[in-house]
Protein backbone atom coordinates (compact mmCIF):
# COMPACT_ATOMS: atom_id res chain seq x y z
CA UNK A 1 102.54 -4.64 57.62
CA UNK A 2 106.15 -5.68 57.08
CA UNK A 3 108.24 -3.42 54.85
CA UNK A 4 110.23 -5.08 52.05
CA UNK A 5 113.78 -5.99 53.02
CA UNK A 6 115.95 -5.79 49.92
CA UNK A 7 119.11 -6.82 51.74
CA UNK A 8 118.41 -10.33 50.45
CA UNK A 9 118.87 -9.02 46.90
CA UNK A 10 122.25 -7.45 47.69
CA UNK A 11 123.36 -10.52 49.65
CA UNK A 12 122.68 -12.68 46.58
CA UNK A 13 123.65 -10.12 43.93
CA UNK A 14 126.53 -12.18 42.52
CA UNK A 15 124.26 -15.17 41.94
CA UNK A 16 121.64 -12.99 40.25
CA UNK A 17 124.33 -11.54 37.98
CA UNK A 18 125.40 -15.04 36.97
CA UNK A 19 121.79 -15.71 36.03
CA UNK A 20 121.65 -12.43 34.11
CA UNK A 21 124.83 -13.34 32.22
CA UNK A 22 123.28 -16.65 31.18
CA UNK A 23 120.10 -14.87 30.06
CA UNK A 24 122.06 -12.40 27.94
CA UNK A 25 124.38 -15.08 26.54
CA UNK A 26 121.55 -17.35 25.37
CA UNK A 27 119.47 -14.41 24.14
CA UNK A 28 122.40 -13.07 22.10
CA UNK A 29 122.88 -16.42 20.35
CA UNK A 30 119.14 -16.72 19.76
CA UNK A 31 118.87 -13.18 18.35
CA UNK A 32 121.64 -13.79 15.80
CA UNK A 33 120.47 -17.27 14.77
CA UNK A 34 116.81 -16.22 14.81
CA UNK A 35 117.60 -13.27 12.53
CA UNK A 36 119.44 -15.54 10.10
CA UNK A 37 116.59 -18.06 10.07
CA UNK A 38 113.97 -15.34 9.77
CA UNK A 39 115.76 -13.58 6.93
CA UNK A 40 116.07 -16.82 4.95
CA UNK A 41 112.48 -17.89 5.60
CA UNK A 42 111.20 -14.38 4.87
CA UNK A 43 112.83 -14.51 1.45
CA UNK A 44 111.46 -18.01 0.85
CA UNK A 45 107.98 -16.68 1.64
CA UNK A 46 108.37 -14.50 -1.45
CA UNK A 47 109.87 -17.24 -3.61
CA UNK A 48 108.39 -17.98 -7.02
CA UNK A 49 108.85 -21.68 -6.27
CA UNK A 50 105.57 -22.79 -4.77
CA UNK A 51 106.99 -25.69 -2.75
CA UNK A 52 109.52 -23.43 -1.04
CA UNK A 53 106.88 -20.78 -0.42
CA UNK A 54 104.49 -23.32 1.10
CA UNK A 55 107.19 -24.93 3.26
CA UNK A 56 108.24 -21.53 4.63
CA UNK A 57 104.60 -20.63 5.26
CA UNK A 58 103.97 -23.91 7.09
CA UNK A 59 106.97 -23.29 9.36
CA UNK A 60 105.83 -19.77 10.19
CA UNK A 61 102.24 -20.77 10.86
CA UNK A 62 103.15 -23.77 13.00
CA UNK A 63 105.69 -21.93 15.16
CA UNK A 64 103.47 -18.88 15.61
CA UNK A 65 100.47 -21.09 16.33
CA UNK A 66 102.07 -23.09 19.17
CA UNK A 67 103.34 -21.86 22.57
CA UNK A 68 107.07 -21.34 23.02
CA UNK A 69 106.94 -23.42 26.21
CA UNK A 70 105.58 -26.42 24.30
CA UNK A 71 108.33 -26.03 21.71
CA UNK A 72 110.96 -25.98 24.45
CA UNK A 73 109.43 -29.07 26.06
CA UNK A 74 109.50 -30.93 22.73
CA UNK A 75 113.19 -30.12 22.27
CA UNK A 76 114.31 -30.86 25.83
CA UNK A 77 111.93 -33.56 27.06
CA UNK A 78 110.46 -34.94 23.82
CA UNK A 79 113.46 -35.49 21.55
CA UNK A 80 115.30 -37.84 23.98
CA UNK A 81 112.43 -40.32 23.61
CA UNK A 82 113.37 -40.70 19.92
CA UNK A 83 117.10 -40.85 20.59
CA UNK A 84 118.04 -37.17 20.23
CA UNK A 85 119.58 -35.76 23.39
CA UNK A 86 120.13 -32.04 23.68
CA UNK A 87 121.74 -30.22 26.55
CA UNK A 88 119.50 -27.71 28.29
CA UNK A 89 121.49 -24.82 26.82
CA UNK A 90 121.34 -26.25 23.28
CA UNK A 91 117.59 -26.81 23.58
CA UNK A 92 117.20 -23.26 24.89
CA UNK A 93 119.14 -21.64 22.05
CA UNK A 94 117.50 -23.77 19.36
CA UNK A 95 114.03 -23.24 20.79
CA UNK A 96 114.33 -19.47 21.11
CA UNK A 97 115.99 -19.19 17.69
CA UNK A 98 113.34 -21.21 15.87
CA UNK A 99 110.54 -19.35 17.63
CA UNK A 100 112.01 -15.91 16.97
CA UNK A 101 112.84 -16.86 13.39
CA UNK A 102 109.16 -17.32 12.55
CA UNK A 103 108.30 -13.81 13.71
CA UNK A 104 111.39 -12.27 12.09
CA UNK A 105 110.40 -13.98 8.83
CA UNK A 106 107.10 -12.12 8.76
CA UNK A 107 108.84 -8.86 9.62
CA UNK A 108 111.34 -9.35 6.78
CA UNK A 109 108.63 -10.36 4.32
CA UNK A 110 106.51 -7.33 5.17
CA UNK A 111 109.54 -5.05 4.96
CA UNK A 112 110.46 -6.27 1.48
CA UNK A 113 106.88 -6.03 0.24
CA UNK A 114 106.67 -2.44 1.52
CA UNK A 115 109.33 -1.32 -0.99
CA UNK A 116 107.84 0.12 -4.16
CA UNK A 117 108.11 -2.29 -7.10
CA UNK A 118 109.45 0.58 -9.14
CA UNK A 119 112.74 0.18 -7.24
CA UNK A 120 113.18 -3.31 -8.65
CA UNK A 121 112.21 -2.19 -12.13
CA UNK A 122 114.70 0.67 -11.96
CA UNK A 123 117.46 -1.70 -10.87
CA UNK A 124 116.62 -4.14 -13.64
CA UNK A 125 116.70 -1.31 -16.18
CA UNK A 126 120.31 -0.66 -15.10
CA UNK A 127 121.20 -4.23 -15.98
CA UNK A 128 120.96 -5.82 -12.55
CA UNK A 129 119.62 -9.34 -12.20
CA UNK A 130 116.70 -9.98 -9.88
CA UNK A 131 119.02 -11.35 -7.19
CA UNK A 132 121.40 -8.39 -7.38
CA UNK A 133 118.49 -5.95 -7.25
CA UNK A 134 117.23 -7.70 -4.12
CA UNK A 135 120.66 -7.66 -2.41
CA UNK A 136 121.82 -4.15 -3.29
CA UNK A 137 118.59 -2.19 -3.74
CA UNK A 138 115.61 -3.77 -1.97
CA UNK A 139 117.14 -5.30 1.17
CA UNK A 140 119.06 -2.18 2.34
CA UNK A 141 115.86 -0.12 2.12
CA UNK A 142 113.77 -2.85 3.74
CA UNK A 143 116.27 -3.22 6.59
CA UNK A 144 115.84 0.41 7.59
CA UNK A 145 112.08 -0.04 7.73
CA UNK A 146 112.10 -3.23 9.77
CA UNK A 147 114.40 -2.01 12.56
CA UNK A 148 111.53 -0.94 14.91
CA UNK A 149 109.62 -4.25 14.71
CA UNK A 150 112.91 -6.17 14.94
CA UNK A 151 113.78 -4.29 18.14
CA UNK A 152 110.38 -5.22 19.56
CA UNK A 153 110.88 -8.87 18.61
CA UNK A 154 114.31 -9.03 20.22
CA UNK A 155 112.97 -7.44 23.40
CA UNK A 156 110.17 -10.01 23.47
CA UNK A 157 112.78 -12.76 23.03
CA UNK A 158 114.73 -11.56 26.06
CA UNK A 159 111.58 -11.52 28.18
CA UNK A 160 110.51 -14.93 26.87
CA UNK A 161 113.87 -16.32 27.98
CA UNK A 162 112.39 -16.43 31.49
CA UNK A 163 110.62 -19.63 30.35
CA UNK A 164 114.02 -21.33 30.19
CA UNK A 165 113.86 -21.70 33.95
CA UNK A 166 111.41 -24.55 33.30
CA UNK A 167 114.00 -26.64 31.42
CA UNK A 168 116.76 -26.44 34.04
CA UNK A 169 118.58 -23.38 32.68
CA UNK A 170 119.94 -21.29 35.54
CA UNK A 171 119.16 -17.95 33.91
CA UNK A 172 117.93 -14.89 35.77
CA UNK A 173 114.47 -16.22 36.60
CA UNK A 174 115.70 -19.58 37.86
CA UNK A 175 118.47 -17.92 39.87
CA UNK A 176 115.77 -15.85 41.56
CA UNK A 177 113.71 -18.96 42.23
CA UNK A 178 116.70 -20.63 43.91
CA UNK A 179 117.16 -17.60 46.17
CA UNK A 180 113.45 -17.45 46.91
CA UNK A 181 113.39 -21.14 47.88
CA UNK A 182 116.06 -20.43 50.52
CA UNK A 183 114.83 -17.09 51.82
CA UNK A 184 111.05 -17.14 51.18
CA UNK A 185 111.24 -13.45 50.32
CA UNK A 186 109.14 -13.60 47.18
CA UNK A 187 108.30 -9.93 46.78
CA UNK A 188 111.85 -8.63 47.06
CA UNK A 189 113.34 -11.24 44.75
CA UNK A 190 110.77 -11.05 41.99
CA UNK A 191 110.58 -7.26 41.96
CA UNK A 192 114.37 -7.18 41.68
CA UNK A 193 114.19 -9.59 38.74
CA UNK A 194 111.52 -7.43 37.09
CA UNK A 195 113.74 -4.35 37.48
CA UNK A 196 116.74 -6.16 35.98
CA UNK A 197 114.70 -7.29 32.96
CA UNK A 198 113.44 -3.73 32.55
CA UNK A 199 116.96 -2.28 32.67
CA UNK A 200 118.15 -4.69 29.96
CA UNK A 201 115.18 -4.19 27.62
CA UNK A 202 115.06 -0.42 28.14
CA UNK A 203 118.79 -0.10 27.43
CA UNK A 204 118.54 -2.28 24.31
CA UNK A 205 115.55 -0.31 23.06
CA UNK A 206 117.40 2.99 23.44
CA UNK A 207 120.62 1.75 21.83
CA UNK A 208 118.78 0.41 18.80
CA UNK A 209 116.65 3.55 18.72
CA UNK A 210 119.84 5.60 18.29
CA UNK A 211 120.91 3.26 15.47
CA UNK A 212 117.55 3.69 13.78
CA UNK A 213 117.79 7.50 13.93
CA UNK A 214 121.31 7.45 12.52
CA UNK A 215 120.22 5.28 9.62
CA UNK A 216 117.36 7.68 8.92
CA UNK A 217 119.75 10.62 8.92
CA UNK A 218 122.11 8.80 6.54
CA UNK A 219 119.24 8.53 4.04
């Protein structure tokens, strides 16, 4: 039995780091945009206007009911057939953002609904409008409650970014595939990639865990 030779990882470390940078760059954009989309859609899911509520619900159900890979293929390979050309990076950011937004929307909706209705009534009794009560009373409390599921969603997004290798994005996974195609050292390359993903997600989880604890203390 041949022992793993991880020298191939160190010999190609710079290339792997370039792939990691691309993974983190695209994921960061997608996290921010996905949170904005999800927050807006989550609020629309609670709208009193039925059309808006139904449209938001349809978006959430469709995105959650179809694979991310199919969504990426539609954006990158499908849209050019109807005259809309996206770069691979644009398709990646849009695809991840739209997909994450659907899950964030449900997290936001659930977080808002978990706040006791008495909070809104108390705010209204102080002369606040419904919108002001939502912005200054409900949302700050809901945000504290949704941090754990948001952290999980963002970690899932980073791991899902490995699918971008299938639409010509040279992120971490595709960088590893390039190295593997030259060296044929599958085990060493893919275990190294797994460790790098773990380091990123574990670090993010701990950083946001500290933020969550600080917010709880500030209560």
